[in-house]
C-alpha atoms as a PDB file:
ATOM      1  CA  MET A   1    -107.587-129.398  56.961  1.00  0.00           C
ATOM      2  CA  THR A   2    -104.726-131.737  56.066  1.00  0.00           C
ATOM      3  CA  SER A   3    -102.318-129.093  54.800  1.00  0.00           C
ATOM      4  CA  LYS A   4    -100.265-127.010  57.162  1.00  0.00           C
ATOM      5  CA  ALA A   5    -100.389-123.223  56.745  1.00  0.00           C
ATOM      6  CA  PHE A   6     -97.388-121.090  57.620  1.00  0.00           C
ATOM      7  CA  LEU A   7     -97.466-117.413  58.486  1.00  0.00           C
ATOM      8  CA  LYS A   8     -95.374-114.726  56.877  1.00  0.00           C
ATOM      9  CA  ARG A   9     -92.764-113.318  59.155  1.00  0.00           C
ATOM     10  CA  ASP A  10     -93.582-109.656  58.496  1.00  0.00           C
ATOM     11  CA  ARG A  11     -93.448-106.810  60.985  1.00  0.00           C
ATOM     12  CA  ARG A  12     -96.961-107.287  62.328  1.00  0.00           C
ATOM     13  CA  PRO A  13     -97.500-109.214  65.565  1.00  0.00           C
ATOM     14  CA  LEU A  14     -98.047-112.910  64.880  1.00  0.00           C
ATOM     15  CA  TYR A  15    -101.565-112.874  66.337  1.00  0.00           C
ATOM     16  CA  GLN A  16    -102.591-110.202  63.787  1.00  0.00           C
ATOM     17  CA  GLN A  17    -101.201-112.309  60.948  1.00  0.00           C
ATOM     18  CA  LEU A  18    -103.020-115.376  62.269  1.00  0.00           C
ATOM     19  CA  THR A  19    -106.247-113.409  62.679  1.00  0.00           C
ATOM     20  CA  GLU A  20    -106.059-112.424  59.005  1.00  0.00           C
ATOM     21  CA  VAL A  21    -105.343-115.988  57.854  1.00  0.00           C
ATOM     22  CA  ILE A  22    -108.265-117.526  59.768  1.00  0.00           C
ATOM     23  CA  ARG A  23    -110.580-114.671  58.749  1.00  0.00           C
ATOM     24  CA  ASN A  24    -109.717-115.264  55.080  1.00  0.00           C
ATOM     25  CA  GLU A  25    -110.273-119.003  55.447  1.00  0.00           C
ATOM     26  CA  ILE A  26    -113.708-118.370  56.965  1.00  0.00           C
ATOM     27  CA  THR A  27    -114.576-116.003  54.110  1.00  0.00           C
ATOM     28  CA  ALA A  28    -113.378-118.582  51.570  1.00  0.00           C
ATOM     29  CA  GLY A  29    -115.603-121.233  53.171  1.00  0.00           C
ATOM     30  CA  GLU A  30    -112.849-123.498  54.479  1.00  0.00           C
ATOM     31  CA  PHE A  31    -114.529-123.245  57.877  1.00  0.00           C
ATOM     32  CA  ALA A  32    -118.310-123.397  57.481  1.00  0.00           C
ATOM     33  CA  PRO A  33    -120.857-121.446  59.565  1.00  0.00           C
ATOM     34  CA  GLY A  34    -121.612-123.381  62.734  1.00  0.00           C
ATOM     35  CA  GLU A  35    -118.472-125.513  62.410  1.00  0.00           C
ATOM     36  CA  ARG A  36    -116.241-125.928  65.453  1.00  0.00           C
ATOM     37  CA  LEU A  37    -112.706-124.738  64.849  1.00  0.00           C
ATOM     38  CA  PRO A  38    -109.786-127.038  65.713  1.00  0.00           C
ATOM     39  CA  SER A  39    -108.616-126.805  69.311  1.00  0.00           C
ATOM     40  CA  GLU A  40    -105.935-124.343  70.393  1.00  0.00           C
ATOM     41  CA  PRO A  41    -103.212-127.051  70.387  1.00  0.00           C
ATOM     42  CA  GLU A  42    -104.313-128.171  66.909  1.00  0.00           C
ATOM     43  CA  LEU A  43    -104.300-124.617  65.571  1.00  0.00           C
ATOM     44  CA  SER A  44    -100.894-124.036  67.161  1.00  0.00           C
ATOM     45  CA  VAL A  45     -99.430-126.989  65.216  1.00  0.00           C
ATOM     46  CA  ARG A  46    -101.352-126.139  62.044  1.00  0.00           C
ATOM     47  CA  TYR A  47     -99.989-122.592  61.845  1.00  0.00           C
ATOM     48  CA  GLY A  48     -96.651-123.055  63.596  1.00  0.00           C
ATOM     49  CA  VAL A  49     -97.310-120.552  66.397  1.00  0.00           C
ATOM     50  CA  SER A  50     -97.716-120.656  70.158  1.00  0.00           C
ATOM     51  CA  ARG A  51    -101.024-121.337  71.900  1.00  0.00           C
ATOM     52  CA  ALA A  52    -100.893-117.809  73.326  1.00  0.00           C
ATOM     53  CA  THR A  53    -100.817-116.427  69.770  1.00  0.00           C
ATOM     54  CA  VAL A  54    -103.762-118.658  68.796  1.00  0.00           C
ATOM     55  CA  ARG A  55    -105.705-117.537  71.862  1.00  0.00           C
ATOM     56  CA  GLU A  56    -105.182-113.842  71.073  1.00  0.00           C
ATOM     57  CA  ALA A  57    -106.181-114.316  67.424  1.00  0.00           C
ATOM     58  CA  LEU A  58    -109.390-116.131  68.410  1.00  0.00           C
ATOM     59  CA  ARG A  59    -110.169-113.399  70.926  1.00  0.00           C
ATOM     60  CA  THR A  60    -109.824-110.794  68.147  1.00  0.00           C
ATOM     61  CA  LEU A  61    -112.061-112.777  65.791  1.00  0.00           C
ATOM     62  CA  GLU A  62    -114.676-113.099  68.523  1.00  0.00           C
ATOM     63  CA  LYS A  63    -114.696-109.338  69.046  1.00  0.00           C
ATOM     64  CA  GLU A  64    -115.252-108.976  65.307  1.00  0.00           C
ATOM     65  CA  GLY A  65    -118.192-111.394  65.472  1.00  0.00           C
ATOM     66  CA  ALA A  66    -116.584-113.959  63.158  1.00  0.00           C
ATOM     67  CA  VAL A  67    -116.431-116.721  65.784  1.00  0.00           C
ATOM     68  CA  ARG A  68    -118.050-117.438  69.116  1.00  0.00           C
ATOM     69  CA  SER A  69    -116.533-119.257  72.080  1.00  0.00           C
ATOM     70  CA  ARG A  70    -118.760-121.634  74.054  1.00  0.00           C
ATOM     71  CA  ARG A  71    -117.545-122.666  77.464  1.00  0.00           C
ATOM     72  CA  GLY A  72    -116.561-126.325  77.527  1.00  0.00           C
ATOM     73  CA  GLN A  73    -117.425-126.822  73.835  1.00  0.00           C
ATOM     74  CA  GLY A  74    -114.883-124.873  71.803  1.00  0.00           C
ATOM     75  CA  THR A  75    -114.900-122.018  69.287  1.00  0.00           C
ATOM     76  CA  PHE A  76    -117.479-121.971  66.493  1.00  0.00           C
ATOM     77  CA  VAL A  77    -117.695-120.074  63.209  1.00  0.00           C
ATOM     78  CA  VAL A  78    -120.366-117.376  63.106  1.00  0.00           C
ATOM     79  CA  GLY A  79    -119.965-115.923  59.620  1.00  0.00           C
ATOM     80  CA  PRO A  80    -120.210-115.264  56.865  1.00  0.00           C
ATOM     81  CA  ARG A  81    -123.986-115.883  56.959  1.00  0.00           C
ATOM     82  CA  GLY A  82    -127.286-114.121  56.598  1.00  0.00           C
ATOM     83  CA  VAL A  83    -128.080-111.110  58.725  1.00  0.00           C
ATOM     84  CA  LEU A  84    -131.658-110.441  59.815  1.00  0.00           C
ATOM     85  CA  GLN A  85    -132.970-107.315  58.070  1.00  0.00           C
ATOM     86  CA  VAL A  86    -135.292-105.484  60.467  1.00  0.00           C
ATOM     87  CA  GLY A  87    -137.228-102.478  59.178  1.00  0.00           C
ATOM     88  CA  ILE A  88    -138.431 -99.982  61.763  1.00  0.00           C
ATOM     89  CA  ASP A  89    -140.507 -97.715  59.536  1.00  0.00           C
ATOM     90  CA  SER A  90    -143.543 -99.867  60.407  1.00  0.00           C
ATOM     91  CA  LEU A  91    -144.752-100.651  63.925  1.00  0.00           C
ATOM     92  CA  TYR A  92    -144.407-104.314  64.813  1.00  0.00           C
ATOM     93  CA  SER A  93    -142.857-106.278  67.647  1.00  0.00           C
ATOM     94  CA  VAL A  94    -139.417-107.875  67.890  1.00  0.00           C
ATOM     95  CA  SER A  95    -141.151-111.274  67.708  1.00  0.00           C
ATOM     96  CA  ASP A  96    -142.836-110.291  64.443  1.00  0.00           C
ATOM     97  CA  ALA A  97    -139.577-108.908  63.044  1.00  0.00           C
ATOM     98  CA  ILE A  98    -137.831-112.222  63.731  1.00  0.00           C
ATOM     99  CA  ARG A  99    -140.731-114.238  62.311  1.00  0.00           C
ATOM    100  CA  ARG A 100    -140.795-112.163  59.098  1.00  0.00           C
ATOM    101  CA  GLN A 101    -137.201-113.199  58.457  1.00  0.00           C
ATOM    102  CA  GLY A 102    -138.147-116.873  58.532  1.00  0.00           C
ATOM    103  CA  HIS A 103    -136.904-117.589  62.053  1.00  0.00           C
ATOM    104  CA  GLU A 104    -138.767-118.930  65.061  1.00  0.00           C
ATOM    105  CA  PRO A 105    -138.934-116.256  67.787  1.00  0.00           C
ATOM    106  CA  GLY A 106    -138.395-117.209  71.399  1.00  0.00           C
ATOM    107  CA  SER A 107    -137.187-115.944  74.762  1.00  0.00           C
ATOM    108  CA  ARG A 108    -134.906-117.092  77.534  1.00  0.00           C
ATOM    109  CA  GLU A 109    -133.674-115.690  80.857  1.00  0.00           C
ATOM    110  CA  VAL A 110    -136.993-113.963  81.442  1.00  0.00           C
ATOM    111  CA  HIS A 111    -137.358-111.867  84.573  1.00  0.00           C
ATOM    112  CA  VAL A 112    -140.691-110.201  85.442  1.00  0.00           C
ATOM    113  CA  GLN A 113    -141.264-107.879  88.387  1.00  0.00           C
ATOM    114  CA  VAL A 114    -143.759-105.247  89.521  1.00  0.00           C
ATOM    115  CA  ILE A 115    -142.158-102.169  91.065  1.00  0.00           C
ATOM    116  CA  GLU A 116    -142.908 -98.533  91.750  1.00  0.00           C
ATOM    117  CA  ALA A 117    -142.131 -96.469  88.665  1.00  0.00           C
ATOM    118  CA  THR A 118    -138.913 -94.476  88.727  1.00  0.00           C
ATOM    119  CA  GLN A 119    -138.913 -90.770  87.920  1.00  0.00           C
ATOM    120  CA  PRO A 120    -137.758 -91.327  84.285  1.00  0.00           C
ATOM    121  CA  GLU A 121    -140.439 -94.004  83.857  1.00  0.00           C
ATOM    122  CA  ARG A 122    -143.137 -91.729  85.309  1.00  0.00           C
ATOM    123  CA  GLN A 123    -142.070 -88.967  82.952  1.00  0.00           C
ATOM    124  CA  ALA A 124    -141.974 -91.167  79.841  1.00  0.00           C
ATOM    125  CA  LEU A 125    -145.253 -92.966  80.630  1.00  0.00           C
ATOM    126  CA  GLU A 126    -147.021 -89.936  82.141  1.00  0.00           C
ATOM    127  CA  LEU A 127    -147.662 -91.655  85.477  1.00  0.00           C
ATOM    128  CA  ALA A 128    -148.407 -90.260  88.925  1.00  0.00           C
ATOM    129  CA  GLU A 129    -145.962 -90.725  91.776  1.00  0.00           C
ATOM    130  CA  GLY A 130    -146.397 -94.154  93.368  1.00  0.00           C
ATOM    131  CA  ALA A 131    -147.745 -95.774  90.178  1.00  0.00           C
ATOM    132  CA  LEU A 132    -146.757 -99.406  89.606  1.00  0.00           C
ATOM    133  CA  VAL A 133    -145.146-100.738  86.455  1.00  0.00           C
ATOM    134  CA  ALA A 134    -144.325-104.208  85.193  1.00  0.00           C
ATOM    135  CA  VAL A 135    -140.702-104.583  84.094  1.00  0.00           C
ATOM    136  CA  VAL A 136    -139.990-107.491  81.750  1.00  0.00           C
ATOM    137  CA  GLU A 137    -136.386-108.435  80.934  1.00  0.00           C
ATOM    138  CA  ARG A 138    -135.852-110.996  78.185  1.00  0.00           C
ATOM    139  CA  THR A 139    -133.200-112.337  75.869  1.00  0.00           C
ATOM    140  CA  ARG A 140    -134.895-112.593  72.474  1.00  0.00           C
ATOM    141  CA  LEU A 141    -134.032-115.563  70.264  1.00  0.00           C
ATOM    142  CA  ALA A 142    -134.108-116.156  66.513  1.00  0.00           C
ATOM    143  CA  SER A 143    -134.216-119.915  65.951  1.00  0.00           C
ATOM    144  CA  GLU A 144    -132.625-120.469  69.382  1.00  0.00           C
ATOM    145  CA  GLU A 145    -129.857-117.887  68.835  1.00  0.00           C
ATOM    146  CA  PRO A 146    -129.764-114.786  71.082  1.00  0.00           C
ATOM    147  CA  VAL A 147    -130.109-111.597  69.014  1.00  0.00           C
ATOM    148  CA  VAL A 148    -131.765-108.940  71.214  1.00  0.00           C
ATOM    149  CA  TYR A 149    -131.792-108.181  74.927  1.00  0.00           C
ATOM    150  CA  SER A 150    -135.001-106.331  75.858  1.00  0.00           C
ATOM    151  CA  ILE A 151    -136.125-104.389  78.905  1.00  0.00           C
ATOM    152  CA  ASP A 152    -139.809-103.423  78.628  1.00  0.00           C
ATOM    153  CA  THR A 153    -141.807-101.316  81.093  1.00  0.00           C
ATOM    154  CA  ILE A 154    -145.639-101.222  81.092  1.00  0.00           C
ATOM    155  CA  PRO A 155    -148.056 -99.544  83.541  1.00  0.00           C
ATOM    156  CA  VAL A 156    -149.717-102.311  85.553  1.00  0.00           C
ATOM    157  CA  ASP A 157    -153.119-100.619  85.139  1.00  0.00           C
ATOM    158  CA  TYR A 158    -152.943-101.448  81.427  1.00  0.00           C
ATOM    159  CA  LEU A 159    -152.580-105.156  82.150  1.00  0.00           C
ATOM    160  CA  GLN A 160    -155.636-105.790  84.281  1.00  0.00           C
ATOM    161  CA  GLY A 161    -157.775-108.800  83.358  1.00  0.00           C
ATOM    162  CA  SER A 162    -155.081-110.724  81.496  1.00  0.00           C
ATOM    163  CA  ASP A 163    -152.608-113.432  82.409  1.00  0.00           C
ATOM    164  CA  TRP A 164    -149.837-111.050  81.471  1.00  0.00           C
ATOM    165  CA  ARG A 165    -147.049-112.725  83.433  1.00  0.00           C
ATOM    166  CA  ALA A 166    -147.327-115.973  81.459  1.00  0.00           C
ATOM    167  CA  GLU A 167    -147.769-114.137  78.163  1.00  0.00           C
ATOM    168  CA  ALA A 168    -144.789-111.890  78.850  1.00  0.00           C
ATOM    169  CA  VAL A 169    -142.624-114.983  79.141  1.00  0.00           C
ATOM    170  CA  SER A 170    -143.725-116.645  75.920  1.00  0.00           C
ATOM    171  CA  GLY A 171    -145.137-114.034  73.563  1.00  0.00           C
ATOM    172  CA  SER A 172    -145.252-110.495  72.229  1.00  0.00           C
ATOM    173  CA  LEU A 173    -146.007-107.584  74.555  1.00  0.00           C
ATOM    174  CA  PHE A 174    -147.489-105.734  71.582  1.00  0.00           C
ATOM    175  CA  ASP A 175    -150.023-108.557  71.175  1.00  0.00           C
ATOM    176  CA  LEU A 176    -150.674-108.487  74.912  1.00  0.00           C
ATOM    177  CA  LEU A 177    -151.478-104.764  74.822  1.00  0.00           C
ATOM    178  CA  LEU A 178    -153.709-105.216  71.783  1.00  0.00           C
ATOM    179  CA  ARG A 179    -155.687-107.947  73.541  1.00  0.00           C
ATOM    180  CA  SER A 180    -156.006-105.642  76.535  1.00  0.00           C
ATOM    181  CA  GLY A 181    -157.844-103.124  74.336  1.00  0.00           C
ATOM    182  CA  ARG A 182    -154.930-100.808  73.514  1.00  0.00           C
ATOM    183  CA  LYS A 183    -154.726 -99.812  69.856  1.00  0.00           C
ATOM    184  CA  LEU A 184    -151.106 -98.955  69.155  1.00  0.00           C
ATOM    185  CA  SER A 185    -150.409 -95.993  66.926  1.00  0.00           C
ATOM    186  CA  HIS A 186    -146.769 -94.877  66.808  1.00  0.00           C
ATOM    187  CA  THR A 187    -143.466 -94.738  68.662  1.00  0.00           C
ATOM    188  CA  LEU A 188    -140.810 -92.232  69.574  1.00  0.00           C
ATOM    189  CA  THR A 189    -137.479 -93.978  68.980  1.00  0.00           C
ATOM    190  CA  ARG A 190    -133.895 -92.984  69.708  1.00  0.00           C
ATOM    191  CA  PHE A 191    -130.771 -94.818  68.498  1.00  0.00           C
ATOM    192  CA  PHE A 192    -127.459 -95.231  70.297  1.00  0.00           C
ATOM    193  CA  SER A 193    -124.245 -97.072  69.483  1.00  0.00           C
ATOM    194  CA  VAL A 194    -123.066 -98.763  72.696  1.00  0.00           C
ATOM    195  CA  ARG A 195    -120.630-101.402  73.921  1.00  0.00           C
ATOM    196  CA  ALA A 196    -121.803-104.542  75.676  1.00  0.00           C
ATOM    197  CA  GLY A 197    -121.263-104.524  79.424  1.00  0.00           C
ATOM    198  CA  LYS A 198    -120.637-107.759  81.288  1.00  0.00           C
ATOM    199  CA  ALA A 199    -124.318-108.560  82.000  1.00  0.00           C
ATOM    200  CA  VAL A 200    -125.606-107.837  78.480  1.00  0.00           C
ATOM    201  CA  ALA A 201    -122.629-109.566  76.848  1.00  0.00           C
ATOM    202  CA  SER A 202    -123.369-112.714  78.865  1.00  0.00           C
ATOM    203  CA  ARG A 203    -127.016-112.715  77.792  1.00  0.00           C
ATOM    204  CA  LEU A 204    -126.191-112.253  74.105  1.00  0.00           C
ATOM    205  CA  ASP A 205    -123.171-114.609  73.988  1.00  0.00           C
ATOM    206  CA  LEU A 206    -120.872-111.719  73.089  1.00  0.00           C
ATOM    207  CA  PRO A 207    -117.453-110.666  74.362  1.00  0.00           C
ATOM    208  CA  VAL A 208    -117.473-107.755  76.800  1.00  0.00           C
ATOM    209  CA  GLY A 209    -117.118-104.543  74.812  1.00  0.00           C
ATOM    210  CA  GLY A 210    -118.756-105.963  71.683  1.00  0.00           C
ATOM    211  CA  PRO A 211    -120.747-103.482  69.548  1.00  0.00           C
ATOM    212  CA  LEU A 212    -124.500-103.150  70.038  1.00  0.00           C
ATOM    213  CA  LEU A 213    -127.271-100.934  68.703  1.00  0.00           C
ATOM    214  CA  LEU A 214    -129.541 -99.652  71.469  1.00  0.00           C
ATOM    215  CA  LEU A 215    -133.092 -98.609  70.566  1.00  0.00           C
ATOM    216  CA  GLU A 216    -134.954 -96.656  73.236  1.00  0.00           C
ATOM    217  CA  GLU A 217    -138.654 -96.512  72.420  1.00  0.00           C
ATOM    218  CA  THR A 218    -141.867 -95.159  73.851  1.00  0.00           C
ATOM    219  CA  VAL A 219    -144.997 -96.664  72.286  1.00  0.00           C
ATOM    220  CA  TYR A 220    -148.217 -94.619  72.073  1.00  0.00           C
ATOM    221  CA  ASP A 221    -151.826 -95.670  71.547  1.00  0.00           C
ATOM    222  CA  GLU A 222    -154.395 -94.014  69.288  1.00  0.00           C
ATOM    223  CA  ASP A 223    -155.250 -91.528  72.044  1.00  0.00           C
ATOM    224  CA  ASN A 224    -151.587 -90.449  72.093  1.00  0.00           C
ATOM    225  CA  ARG A 225    -151.053 -92.004  75.526  1.00  0.00           C
ATOM    226  CA  PRO A 226    -147.722 -93.710  76.221  1.00  0.00           C
ATOM    227  CA  VAL A 227    -148.356 -97.382  77.012  1.00  0.00           C
ATOM    228  CA  LEU A 228    -144.919 -99.005  76.822  1.00  0.00           C
ATOM    229  CA  MET A 229    -141.292 -98.000  77.042  1.00  0.00           C
ATOM    230  CA  SER A 230    -138.504-100.289  75.962  1.00  0.00           C
ATOM    231  CA  ARG A 231    -134.734-100.583  75.724  1.00  0.00           C
ATOM    232  CA  ASP A 232    -133.651-103.098  73.080  1.00  0.00           C
ATOM    233  CA  TYR A 233    -129.989-104.045  72.638  1.00  0.00           C
ATOM    234  CA  TYR A 234    -129.447-105.459  69.133  1.00  0.00           C
ATOM    235  CA  ARG A 235    -126.492-107.596  68.134  1.00  0.00           C
ATOM    236  CA  THR A 236    -125.064-105.749  65.157  1.00  0.00           C
ATOM    237  CA  ASP A 237    -123.474-108.920  63.730  1.00  0.00           C
ATOM    238  CA  ARG A 238    -126.882-110.612  63.490  1.00  0.00           C
ATOM    239  CA  ILE A 239    -129.391-107.813  62.899  1.00  0.00           C
ATOM    240  CA  ALA A 240    -129.288-104.894  60.460  1.00  0.00           C
ATOM    241  CA  VAL A 241    -131.839-102.203  61.317  1.00  0.00           C
ATOM    242  CA  GLN A 242    -133.281-100.454  58.271  1.00  0.00           C
ATOM    243  CA  LEU A 243    -135.173 -97.171  58.038  1.00  0.00           C
ATOM    244  CA  VAL A 244    -136.803 -95.791  54.875  1.00  0.00           C
ATOM    245  CA  ARG A 245    -136.428 -92.015  54.597  1.00  0.00           C
ATOM    246  CA  ARG A 246    -138.494 -90.118  52.007  1.00  0.00           C
ATOM    247  CA  ARG A 247    -137.818 -86.667  50.700  1.00  0.00           C
ATOM    248  CA  GLN A 248    -140.475 -84.141  51.583  1.00  0.00           C
ATOM    249  CA  PRO A 249    -141.990 -82.267  48.607  1.00  0.00           C
END
């Protein structure tokens, strides 16, 4: 980074020109994945623009998922790099999906509570009024990087006889249900394209308004009883969800 790059003085705003230049340099490999970009003052001198222009360009690149800002540390390159390919035509947990891609699954910011089921939860899980459910909120990690924010709801009656609170923190809820005697069969899944609100963006290290794929799922056992409902917010810059569709004869 010894040479000084100058921007064209075309009709576009300077921050758009700078965004394009830095994006191209990332694509060309001048800034490697995981590398910290020069500081705002350094970039201002390097490209001959104001710090305000640099700040706006970095904000745009962060919205695109090309860089990520870390408070007190700087701005780091995110891509180009490998995206986790997650197939959903087979039934396995988020932990298994991460592990199959060669990453170590983990969780952080785990919150577990037992509450009375809401009307939508009673309807989805076929519960009587007053039934209790365990709600587990977790930020799912792939090799220490946040990739999915999960909210899982399970009837407490299905968790009797197991140390489910500890296991919910560290492991797979699918495995927990299997050890509790529930044989999982299939899911009903719906897909939504959503924007990250402030709380979810903070958990996933994304800018507010960043794109997410929301999967709403109800998991059924072999007796066709709903045993788990989940809301999983996937970072679209880090996970590609795949579905195999076959033509019916």
